[in-house]
Amino acid sequence: MREIGLSAHRRQLGVQRLSHNPIRAAEAFTAVHQPNLTRDGHRVAGLRLGDHRAQALLQVLLVFRLLPRGFRNPDLRELLGLAPTGPSAGQVSYDLRRLRAHGLIARAPGSHRYRVTDTGPAHATLITDIHTRLPEPGPAQFTDPDPPAPSALRAAARNYRHALDHFTQQARFAA
């Protein structure tokens, strides 16, 4: 019984070590966020944090991972809600090229269909979670003149400012 418990404990520690690895998270963020070069030397733009079009593409990938046959350019345009007045098929082809260059999708051989790669959903989830949790709600907590409830982030920022003011006064720096 003890051996089974130790074995289960070791497996759990292994999973926790892999799931909380900040280096892997930083690599995943950089792989999607930074521009990269294709094999033939063309520069492909990164999917920038805060870019609405990039965020929409990443969120769509999370839906397309459920399609066993993959998806096509018109499917992407339709799901983004951009057709018929939105970007052209050529602009969406550019987005598909960006997703392919960053390893989030792969083209199905002999067709015009794409499938989401194994790493695609993980990277898309990471970037969309970061975007949803930080850039959107964070500044809103600071800039809202009449918040509905006290914010822990606003209180922490206020305490930080007070501590910094106190430190500068003790060190006799001009504030």
N, C-alpha and C. Protein backbone atom coordinates (compact mmCIF):
# COMPACT_ATOMS: atom_id res chain seq x y z
N MET A 1 0.82 -1.19 0.00
CA MET A 1 0.00 0.00 0.00
C MET A 1 0.88 1.27 0.00
N ARG A 2 1.95 1.19 0.77
CA ARG A 2 2.87 2.33 0.85
C ARG A 2 3.53 2.58 -0.51
N GLU A 3 3.91 1.52 -1.21
CA GLU A 3 4.55 1.64 -2.52
C GLU A 3 3.60 2.30 -3.53
N ILE A 4 2.34 1.94 -3.49
CA ILE A 4 1.35 2.54 -4.39
C ILE A 4 1.20 4.03 -4.09
N GLY A 5 1.15 4.37 -2.80
CA GLY A 5 1.04 5.78 -2.41
C GLY A 5 2.24 6.59 -2.86
N LEU A 6 3.45 6.05 -2.68
CA LEU A 6 4.66 6.76 -3.11
C LEU A 6 4.69 6.92 -4.63
N SER A 7 4.27 5.89 -5.35
CA SER A 7 4.25 5.97 -6.80
C SER A 7 3.26 7.04 -7.28
N ALA A 8 2.09 7.08 -6.68
CA ALA A 8 1.10 8.10 -7.05
C ALA A 8 1.60 9.49 -6.71
N HIS A 9 2.27 9.62 -5.57
CA HIS A 9 2.81 10.91 -5.15
C HIS A 9 3.88 11.39 -6.14
N ARG A 10 4.77 10.48 -6.58
CA ARG A 10 5.81 10.85 -7.56
C ARG A 10 5.20 11.30 -8.88
N ARG A 11 4.16 10.60 -9.33
CA ARG A 11 3.50 10.99 -10.58
C ARG A 11 2.87 12.37 -10.45
N GLN A 12 2.22 12.62 -9.31
CA GLN A 12 1.58 13.91 -9.08
C GLN A 12 2.63 15.03 -9.07
N LEU A 13 3.75 14.80 -8.42
CA LEU A 13 4.81 15.81 -8.41
C LEU A 13 5.37 16.05 -9.81
N GLY A 14 5.49 15.00 -10.60
CA GLY A 14 5.95 15.16 -11.98
C GLY A 14 5.00 16.00 -12.80
N VAL A 15 3.70 15.78 -12.65
CA VAL A 15 2.70 16.56 -13.38
C VAL A 15 2.75 18.02 -12.93
N GLN A 16 2.84 18.25 -11.62
CA GLN A 16 2.90 19.62 -11.12
C GLN A 16 4.15 20.33 -11.61
N ARG A 17 5.27 19.63 -11.65
CA ARG A 17 6.52 20.24 -12.10
C ARG A 17 6.39 20.65 -13.57
N LEU A 18 5.76 19.83 -14.41
CA LEU A 18 5.60 20.16 -15.81
C LEU A 18 4.57 21.26 -16.03
N SER A 19 3.48 21.25 -15.26
CA SER A 19 2.41 22.22 -15.50
C SER A 19 2.74 23.60 -14.97
N HIS A 20 3.70 23.71 -14.06
CA HIS A 20 4.04 25.02 -13.50
C HIS A 20 5.45 25.43 -13.90
N ASN A 21 5.85 25.07 -15.08
CA ASN A 21 7.19 25.38 -15.55
C ASN A 21 7.17 26.75 -16.24
N PRO A 22 7.71 27.79 -15.58
CA PRO A 22 7.65 29.13 -16.18
C PRO A 22 8.48 29.25 -17.45
N ILE A 23 9.51 28.43 -17.60
CA ILE A 23 10.33 28.51 -18.81
C ILE A 23 9.52 28.04 -20.01
N ARG A 24 8.77 26.96 -19.86
CA ARG A 24 7.93 26.49 -20.97
C ARG A 24 6.86 27.50 -21.31
N ALA A 25 6.27 28.13 -20.29
CA ALA A 25 5.25 29.15 -20.56
C ALA A 25 5.85 30.34 -21.30
N ALA A 26 7.05 30.75 -20.91
CA ALA A 26 7.72 31.86 -21.59
C ALA A 26 8.06 31.49 -23.03
N GLU A 27 8.50 30.25 -23.24
CA GLU A 27 8.81 29.80 -24.61
C GLU A 27 7.55 29.76 -25.47
N ALA A 28 6.45 29.30 -24.89
CA ALA A 28 5.19 29.24 -25.64
C ALA A 28 4.72 30.65 -25.99
N PHE A 29 4.85 31.57 -25.06
CA PHE A 29 4.44 32.95 -25.31
C PHE A 29 5.30 33.56 -26.41
N THR A 30 6.61 33.36 -26.33
CA THR A 30 7.53 33.92 -27.32
C THR A 30 7.31 33.30 -28.69
N ALA A 31 7.03 32.01 -28.74
CA ALA A 31 6.84 31.32 -30.02
C ALA A 31 5.67 31.91 -30.80
N VAL A 32 4.67 32.38 -30.12
CA VAL A 32 3.49 32.92 -30.78
C VAL A 32 3.59 34.44 -30.93
N HIS A 33 4.14 35.09 -29.95
CA HIS A 33 4.14 36.55 -29.88
C HIS A 33 5.18 37.21 -30.79
N GLN A 34 6.35 36.61 -30.91
CA GLN A 34 7.44 37.21 -31.68
C GLN A 34 7.34 36.86 -33.16
N PRO A 35 7.79 37.76 -34.04
CA PRO A 35 7.84 37.42 -35.46
C PRO A 35 8.89 36.34 -35.71
N ASN A 36 8.73 35.58 -36.77
CA ASN A 36 9.74 34.58 -37.11
C ASN A 36 9.94 34.53 -38.62
N LEU A 37 10.93 33.76 -39.03
CA LEU A 37 11.27 33.65 -40.45
C LEU A 37 10.86 32.28 -40.97
N THR A 38 10.34 32.27 -42.20
CA THR A 38 10.01 31.00 -42.84
C THR A 38 11.28 30.39 -43.42
N ARG A 39 11.16 29.18 -43.95
CA ARG A 39 12.33 28.50 -44.55
C ARG A 39 12.93 29.29 -45.71
N ASP A 40 12.07 29.96 -46.46
CA ASP A 40 12.57 30.72 -47.60
C ASP A 40 12.96 32.16 -47.26
N GLY A 41 13.04 32.49 -45.96
CA GLY A 41 13.56 33.77 -45.52
C GLY A 41 12.54 34.89 -45.39
N HIS A 42 11.25 34.61 -45.54
CA HIS A 42 10.23 35.64 -45.39
C HIS A 42 9.90 35.83 -43.91
N ARG A 43 9.72 37.07 -43.53
CA ARG A 43 9.37 37.40 -42.14
C ARG A 43 7.85 37.29 -41.99
N VAL A 44 7.44 36.62 -40.93
CA VAL A 44 6.02 36.46 -40.64
C VAL A 44 5.75 37.14 -39.30
N ALA A 45 4.78 38.04 -39.29
CA ALA A 45 4.46 38.80 -38.08
C ALA A 45 3.97 37.88 -36.97
N GLY A 46 4.26 38.28 -35.75
CA GLY A 46 3.79 37.54 -34.58
C GLY A 46 2.34 37.85 -34.29
N LEU A 47 1.74 37.06 -33.46
CA LEU A 47 0.36 37.27 -33.02
C LEU A 47 0.44 38.05 -31.71
N ARG A 48 0.44 39.37 -31.82
CA ARG A 48 0.71 40.24 -30.69
C ARG A 48 -0.40 40.22 -29.65
N LEU A 49 0.03 40.28 -28.41
CA LEU A 49 -0.91 40.39 -27.30
C LEU A 49 -1.58 41.75 -27.39
N GLY A 50 -2.88 41.79 -27.31
CA GLY A 50 -3.62 43.03 -27.40
C GLY A 50 -4.15 43.34 -28.79
N ASP A 51 -3.65 42.66 -29.81
CA ASP A 51 -4.14 42.85 -31.17
C ASP A 51 -5.45 42.09 -31.30
N HIS A 52 -6.53 42.80 -31.59
CA HIS A 52 -7.86 42.19 -31.61
C HIS A 52 -7.98 41.10 -32.67
N ARG A 53 -7.36 41.32 -33.81
CA ARG A 53 -7.43 40.32 -34.87
C ARG A 53 -6.70 39.04 -34.46
N ALA A 54 -5.52 39.20 -33.84
CA ALA A 54 -4.76 38.04 -33.38
C ALA A 54 -5.52 37.29 -32.29
N GLN A 55 -6.15 38.03 -31.38
CA GLN A 55 -6.91 37.38 -30.32
C GLN A 55 -8.09 36.61 -30.89
N ALA A 56 -8.75 37.18 -31.88
CA ALA A 56 -9.88 36.48 -32.52
C ALA A 56 -9.40 35.20 -33.19
N LEU A 57 -8.26 35.26 -33.87
CA LEU A 57 -7.72 34.06 -34.52
C LEU A 57 -7.42 32.97 -33.51
N LEU A 58 -6.80 33.35 -32.40
CA LEU A 58 -6.45 32.35 -31.38
C LEU A 58 -7.70 31.75 -30.75
N GLN A 59 -8.72 32.55 -30.54
CA GLN A 59 -9.94 32.03 -29.96
C GLN A 59 -10.66 31.09 -30.94
N VAL A 60 -10.59 31.41 -32.21
CA VAL A 60 -11.21 30.54 -33.23
C VAL A 60 -10.49 29.19 -33.28
N LEU A 61 -9.18 29.21 -33.07
CA LEU A 61 -8.43 27.94 -33.07
C LEU A 61 -8.98 26.98 -32.01
N LEU A 62 -9.40 27.51 -30.89
CA LEU A 62 -9.93 26.66 -29.82
C LEU A 62 -11.24 25.99 -30.25
N VAL A 63 -11.98 26.61 -31.13
CA VAL A 63 -13.20 26.01 -31.67
C VAL A 63 -12.85 24.99 -32.75
N PHE A 64 -11.89 25.35 -33.62
CA PHE A 64 -11.54 24.48 -34.75
C PHE A 64 -10.83 23.21 -34.32
N ARG A 65 -10.30 23.16 -33.13
CA ARG A 65 -9.62 21.92 -32.71
C ARG A 65 -10.60 20.76 -32.58
N LEU A 66 -11.87 21.06 -32.54
CA LEU A 66 -12.89 20.03 -32.40
C LEU A 66 -13.33 19.44 -33.73
N LEU A 67 -12.89 20.02 -34.83
CA LEU A 67 -13.31 19.55 -36.15
C LEU A 67 -12.36 18.45 -36.64
N PRO A 68 -12.84 17.22 -36.81
CA PRO A 68 -11.95 16.14 -37.21
C PRO A 68 -11.42 16.27 -38.64
N ARG A 69 -12.20 16.88 -39.55
CA ARG A 69 -11.75 17.03 -40.94
C ARG A 69 -10.96 18.31 -41.16
N GLY A 70 -10.85 19.14 -40.15
CA GLY A 70 -10.15 20.41 -40.30
C GLY A 70 -11.07 21.51 -40.77
N PHE A 71 -10.48 22.62 -41.21
CA PHE A 71 -11.26 23.78 -41.62
C PHE A 71 -10.62 24.40 -42.86
N ARG A 72 -11.39 25.27 -43.53
CA ARG A 72 -10.93 25.95 -44.73
C ARG A 72 -10.97 27.46 -44.52
N ASN A 73 -10.44 28.20 -45.46
CA ASN A 73 -10.44 29.65 -45.42
C ASN A 73 -11.85 30.21 -45.21
N PRO A 74 -12.88 29.76 -45.99
CA PRO A 74 -14.22 30.30 -45.77
C PRO A 74 -14.78 29.99 -44.39
N ASP A 75 -14.40 28.84 -43.82
CA ASP A 75 -14.85 28.50 -42.47
C ASP A 75 -14.30 29.50 -41.46
N LEU A 76 -13.04 29.87 -41.64
CA LEU A 76 -12.42 30.84 -40.74
C LEU A 76 -13.10 32.20 -40.87
N ARG A 77 -13.36 32.62 -42.10
CA ARG A 77 -14.02 33.91 -42.31
C ARG A 77 -15.41 33.92 -41.69
N GLU A 78 -16.13 32.81 -41.84
CA GLU A 78 -17.49 32.74 -41.31
C GLU A 78 -17.49 32.78 -39.78
N LEU A 79 -16.59 32.03 -39.17
CA LEU A 79 -16.58 31.97 -37.72
C LEU A 79 -16.10 33.27 -37.09
N LEU A 80 -15.23 33.97 -37.78
CA LEU A 80 -14.80 35.27 -37.28
C LEU A 80 -15.92 36.31 -37.40
N GLY A 81 -16.96 35.98 -38.16
CA GLY A 81 -18.07 36.91 -38.34
C GLY A 81 -17.72 38.06 -39.24
N LEU A 82 -16.74 37.86 -40.11
CA LEU A 82 -16.26 38.95 -40.94
C LEU A 82 -16.78 38.92 -42.36
N ALA A 83 -17.26 37.80 -42.82
CA ALA A 83 -17.76 37.71 -44.19
C ALA A 83 -19.21 38.19 -44.19
N PRO A 84 -19.69 38.84 -45.17
CA PRO A 84 -19.10 39.24 -46.44
C PRO A 84 -18.46 40.63 -46.40
N THR A 85 -18.65 41.41 -45.34
CA THR A 85 -18.15 42.79 -45.35
C THR A 85 -16.75 42.92 -44.77
N GLY A 86 -16.21 41.87 -44.22
CA GLY A 86 -14.92 41.93 -43.56
C GLY A 86 -13.76 41.73 -44.51
N PRO A 87 -12.66 41.23 -43.99
CA PRO A 87 -11.47 41.04 -44.81
C PRO A 87 -11.72 40.07 -45.96
N SER A 88 -10.94 40.24 -46.98
CA SER A 88 -11.06 39.38 -48.15
C SER A 88 -10.48 38.01 -47.86
N ALA A 89 -10.66 37.10 -48.80
CA ALA A 89 -10.07 35.77 -48.68
C ALA A 89 -8.55 35.86 -48.63
N GLY A 90 -7.98 36.84 -49.32
CA GLY A 90 -6.54 37.03 -49.30
C GLY A 90 -6.03 37.45 -47.93
N GLN A 91 -6.78 38.31 -47.25
CA GLN A 91 -6.37 38.73 -45.91
C GLN A 91 -6.47 37.56 -44.93
N VAL A 92 -7.48 36.73 -45.09
CA VAL A 92 -7.60 35.56 -44.22
C VAL A 92 -6.50 34.55 -44.56
N SER A 93 -6.11 34.47 -45.83
CA SER A 93 -4.98 33.61 -46.21
C SER A 93 -3.70 34.07 -45.52
N TYR A 94 -3.53 35.37 -45.40
CA TYR A 94 -2.39 35.92 -44.66
C TYR A 94 -2.43 35.46 -43.20
N ASP A 95 -3.62 35.51 -42.60
CA ASP A 95 -3.76 35.04 -41.21
C ASP A 95 -3.44 33.56 -41.11
N LEU A 96 -3.89 32.77 -42.08
CA LEU A 96 -3.58 31.33 -42.08
C LEU A 96 -2.08 31.11 -42.19
N ARG A 97 -1.42 31.92 -43.01
CA ARG A 97 0.04 31.81 -43.14
C ARG A 97 0.73 32.12 -41.82
N ARG A 98 0.23 33.13 -41.11
CA ARG A 98 0.80 33.46 -39.80
C ARG A 98 0.62 32.30 -38.82
N LEU A 99 -0.56 31.72 -38.79
CA LEU A 99 -0.83 30.61 -37.88
C LEU A 99 0.05 29.40 -38.22
N ARG A 100 0.23 29.15 -39.52
CA ARG A 100 1.10 28.03 -39.95
C ARG A 100 2.55 28.29 -39.57
N ALA A 101 3.02 29.50 -39.79
CA ALA A 101 4.42 29.82 -39.50
C ALA A 101 4.74 29.70 -38.02
N HIS A 102 3.76 29.91 -37.18
CA HIS A 102 3.97 29.80 -35.74
C HIS A 102 3.66 28.41 -35.20
N GLY A 103 3.34 27.49 -36.10
CA GLY A 103 3.13 26.10 -35.71
C GLY A 103 1.82 25.82 -35.03
N LEU A 104 0.84 26.70 -35.18
CA LEU A 104 -0.44 26.50 -34.53
C LEU A 104 -1.41 25.67 -35.38
N ILE A 105 -1.23 25.72 -36.70
CA ILE A 105 -2.03 24.90 -37.61
C ILE A 105 -1.10 24.25 -38.62
N ALA A 106 -1.59 23.21 -39.27
CA ALA A 106 -0.84 22.53 -40.34
C ALA A 106 -1.82 22.27 -41.48
N ARG A 107 -1.30 22.32 -42.69
CA ARG A 107 -2.14 22.07 -43.86
C ARG A 107 -2.28 20.57 -44.07
N ALA A 108 -3.49 20.14 -44.31
CA ALA A 108 -3.74 18.73 -44.61
C ALA A 108 -3.19 18.44 -46.00
N PRO A 109 -2.41 17.38 -46.17
CA PRO A 109 -1.80 17.10 -47.48
C PRO A 109 -2.85 16.89 -48.56
N GLY A 110 -2.61 17.50 -49.72
CA GLY A 110 -3.47 17.30 -50.87
C GLY A 110 -4.83 17.98 -50.78
N SER A 111 -4.97 18.97 -49.92
CA SER A 111 -6.27 19.65 -49.80
C SER A 111 -6.04 21.11 -49.42
N HIS A 112 -7.14 21.84 -49.35
CA HIS A 112 -7.10 23.23 -48.90
C HIS A 112 -7.62 23.34 -47.47
N ARG A 113 -7.48 22.28 -46.73
CA ARG A 113 -7.95 22.25 -45.34
C ARG A 113 -6.77 22.34 -44.39
N TYR A 114 -7.06 22.85 -43.23
CA TYR A 114 -6.05 23.00 -42.18
C TYR A 114 -6.56 22.30 -40.93
N ARG A 115 -5.62 21.84 -40.14
CA ARG A 115 -5.99 21.24 -38.85
C ARG A 115 -5.16 21.92 -37.77
N VAL A 116 -5.69 21.95 -36.58
CA VAL A 116 -4.98 22.55 -35.46
C VAL A 116 -3.94 21.54 -34.97
N THR A 117 -2.72 21.99 -34.78
CA THR A 117 -1.65 21.11 -34.33
C THR A 117 -1.83 20.76 -32.85
N ASP A 118 -1.02 19.86 -32.36
CA ASP A 118 -1.11 19.46 -30.95
C ASP A 118 -0.77 20.62 -30.01
N THR A 119 0.17 21.46 -30.41
CA THR A 119 0.56 22.59 -29.55
C THR A 119 -0.33 23.80 -29.76
N GLY A 120 -1.10 23.84 -30.84
CA GLY A 120 -1.96 24.99 -31.13
C GLY A 120 -2.91 25.36 -30.01
N PRO A 121 -3.71 24.42 -29.51
CA PRO A 121 -4.65 24.79 -28.43
C PRO A 121 -3.95 25.26 -27.16
N ALA A 122 -2.81 24.66 -26.84
CA ALA A 122 -2.10 25.07 -25.62
C ALA A 122 -1.61 26.50 -25.74
N HIS A 123 -1.00 26.84 -26.89
CA HIS A 123 -0.52 28.20 -27.09
C HIS A 123 -1.68 29.18 -27.16
N ALA A 124 -2.74 28.82 -27.87
CA ALA A 124 -3.89 29.70 -27.99
C ALA A 124 -4.54 29.94 -26.63
N THR A 125 -4.65 28.91 -25.82
CA THR A 125 -5.23 29.06 -24.49
C THR A 125 -4.37 29.96 -23.63
N LEU A 126 -3.06 29.77 -23.67
CA LEU A 126 -2.16 30.60 -22.87
C LEU A 126 -2.31 32.08 -23.25
N ILE A 127 -2.23 32.39 -24.52
CA ILE A 127 -2.27 33.78 -24.95
C ILE A 127 -3.64 34.41 -24.68
N THR A 128 -4.73 33.68 -24.95
CA THR A 128 -6.05 34.25 -24.70
C THR A 128 -6.31 34.42 -23.21
N ASP A 129 -5.82 33.50 -22.38
CA ASP A 129 -5.96 33.67 -20.93
C ASP A 129 -5.19 34.88 -20.44
N ILE A 130 -3.97 35.06 -20.93
CA ILE A 130 -3.18 36.23 -20.53
C ILE A 130 -3.91 37.50 -20.94
N HIS A 131 -4.42 37.52 -22.16
CA HIS A 131 -5.12 38.71 -22.65
C HIS A 131 -6.40 38.98 -21.86
N THR A 132 -7.12 37.93 -21.54
CA THR A 132 -8.38 38.08 -20.83
C THR A 132 -8.17 38.51 -19.38
N ARG A 133 -7.11 38.04 -18.77
CA ARG A 133 -6.89 38.32 -17.35
C ARG A 133 -6.11 39.58 -17.07
N LEU A 134 -5.22 40.00 -17.97
CA LEU A 134 -4.36 41.14 -17.66
C LEU A 134 -4.71 42.44 -18.38
N PRO A 135 -4.51 42.54 -19.70
CA PRO A 135 -4.67 43.85 -20.32
C PRO A 135 -6.08 44.42 -20.28
N GLU A 136 -7.09 43.58 -20.31
CA GLU A 136 -8.43 44.13 -20.32
C GLU A 136 -8.91 44.54 -18.93
N PRO A 137 -8.96 43.65 -17.94
CA PRO A 137 -9.53 44.06 -16.66
C PRO A 137 -8.56 44.86 -15.78
N GLY A 138 -7.25 44.66 -15.93
CA GLY A 138 -6.29 45.33 -15.05
C GLY A 138 -6.38 46.84 -15.10
N PRO A 139 -6.18 47.46 -16.26
CA PRO A 139 -6.27 48.92 -16.32
C PRO A 139 -7.66 49.45 -15.97
N ALA A 140 -8.69 48.67 -16.24
CA ALA A 140 -10.03 49.12 -15.90
C ALA A 140 -10.19 49.30 -14.39
N GLN A 141 -9.50 48.49 -13.61
CA GLN A 141 -9.59 48.61 -12.16
C GLN A 141 -8.91 49.88 -11.67
N PHE A 142 -7.93 50.37 -12.42
CA PHE A 142 -7.24 51.60 -12.02
C PHE A 142 -7.96 52.85 -12.51
N THR A 143 -8.56 52.77 -13.68
CA THR A 143 -9.11 53.97 -14.31
C THR A 143 -10.57 54.22 -14.01
N ASP A 144 -11.29 53.25 -13.50
CA ASP A 144 -12.71 53.43 -13.21
C ASP A 144 -12.86 54.41 -12.05
N PRO A 145 -13.45 55.60 -12.29
CA PRO A 145 -13.54 56.58 -11.21
C PRO A 145 -14.51 56.17 -10.10
N ASP A 146 -15.49 55.36 -10.44
CA ASP A 146 -16.48 54.95 -9.45
C ASP A 146 -16.65 53.43 -9.52
N PRO A 147 -15.69 52.68 -8.94
CA PRO A 147 -15.79 51.21 -9.05
C PRO A 147 -16.99 50.69 -8.26
N PRO A 148 -17.61 49.61 -8.76
CA PRO A 148 -18.75 49.04 -8.06
C PRO A 148 -18.37 48.42 -6.72
N ALA A 149 -17.14 47.95 -6.60
CA ALA A 149 -16.68 47.32 -5.36
C ALA A 149 -15.18 47.58 -5.22
N PRO A 150 -14.66 47.55 -4.00
CA PRO A 150 -13.22 47.75 -3.83
C PRO A 150 -12.44 46.67 -4.58
N SER A 151 -11.39 47.08 -5.21
CA SER A 151 -10.57 46.16 -5.99
C SER A 151 -9.29 45.84 -5.24
N ALA A 152 -8.94 44.55 -5.21
CA ALA A 152 -7.69 44.15 -4.55
C ALA A 152 -6.49 44.74 -5.29
N LEU A 153 -6.58 44.82 -6.61
CA LEU A 153 -5.50 45.39 -7.40
C LEU A 153 -5.34 46.88 -7.13
N ARG A 154 -6.45 47.59 -7.03
CA ARG A 154 -6.40 49.03 -6.73
C ARG A 154 -5.84 49.25 -5.32
N ALA A 155 -6.24 48.43 -4.36
CA ALA A 155 -5.73 48.55 -3.00
C ALA A 155 -4.23 48.25 -2.95
N ALA A 156 -3.79 47.23 -3.68
CA ALA A 156 -2.37 46.90 -3.71
C ALA A 156 -1.56 48.04 -4.34
N ALA A 157 -2.08 48.66 -5.40
CA ALA A 157 -1.38 49.78 -6.04
C ALA A 157 -1.31 50.97 -5.09
N ARG A 158 -2.39 51.23 -4.37
CA ARG A 158 -2.40 52.33 -3.40
C ARG A 158 -1.39 52.06 -2.29
N ASN A 159 -1.35 50.84 -1.77
CA ASN A 159 -0.39 50.49 -0.72
C ASN A 159 1.04 50.59 -1.22
N TYR A 160 1.27 50.20 -2.47
CA TYR A 160 2.60 50.30 -3.06
C TYR A 160 3.03 51.76 -3.16
N ARG A 161 2.12 52.63 -3.63
CA ARG A 161 2.44 54.06 -3.73
C ARG A 161 2.76 54.64 -2.36
N HIS A 162 1.97 54.28 -1.34
CA HIS A 162 2.22 54.78 0.02
C HIS A 162 3.56 54.29 0.55
N ALA A 163 3.88 53.02 0.31
CA ALA A 163 5.16 52.47 0.78
C ALA A 163 6.33 53.15 0.06
N LEU A 164 6.18 53.40 -1.23
CA LEU A 164 7.24 54.08 -1.99
C LEU A 164 7.40 55.53 -1.52
N ASP A 165 6.30 56.22 -1.27
CA ASP A 165 6.37 57.59 -0.74
C ASP A 165 7.06 57.61 0.62
N HIS A 166 6.70 56.64 1.47
CA HIS A 166 7.32 56.55 2.80
C HIS A 166 8.83 56.29 2.68
N PHE A 167 9.21 55.41 1.78
CA PHE A 167 10.63 55.10 1.56
C PHE A 167 11.39 56.33 1.08
N THR A 168 10.82 57.08 0.14
CA THR A 168 11.51 58.26 -0.38
C THR A 168 11.63 59.34 0.69
N GLN A 169 10.63 59.45 1.57
CA GLN A 169 10.71 60.43 2.65
C GLN A 169 11.79 60.05 3.66
N GLN A 170 11.91 58.75 3.97
CA GLN A 170 12.94 58.30 4.89
C GLN A 170 14.33 58.48 4.30
N ALA A 171 14.47 58.27 3.02
CA ALA A 171 15.77 58.40 2.36
C ALA A 171 16.06 59.85 2.00
N ARG A 172 15.11 60.74 2.28
CA ARG A 172 15.23 62.17 2.00
C ARG A 172 15.40 62.48 0.51
N PHE A 173 14.68 61.69 -0.31
CA PHE A 173 14.62 61.98 -1.74
C PHE A 173 13.45 62.94 -1.96
N ALA A 174 13.54 63.73 -3.00
CA ALA A 174 12.41 64.59 -3.36
C ALA A 174 11.34 63.71 -4.03
N ALA A 175 10.13 63.84 -3.56
CA ALA A 175 9.06 63.01 -4.11
C ALA A 175 8.47 63.61 -5.35
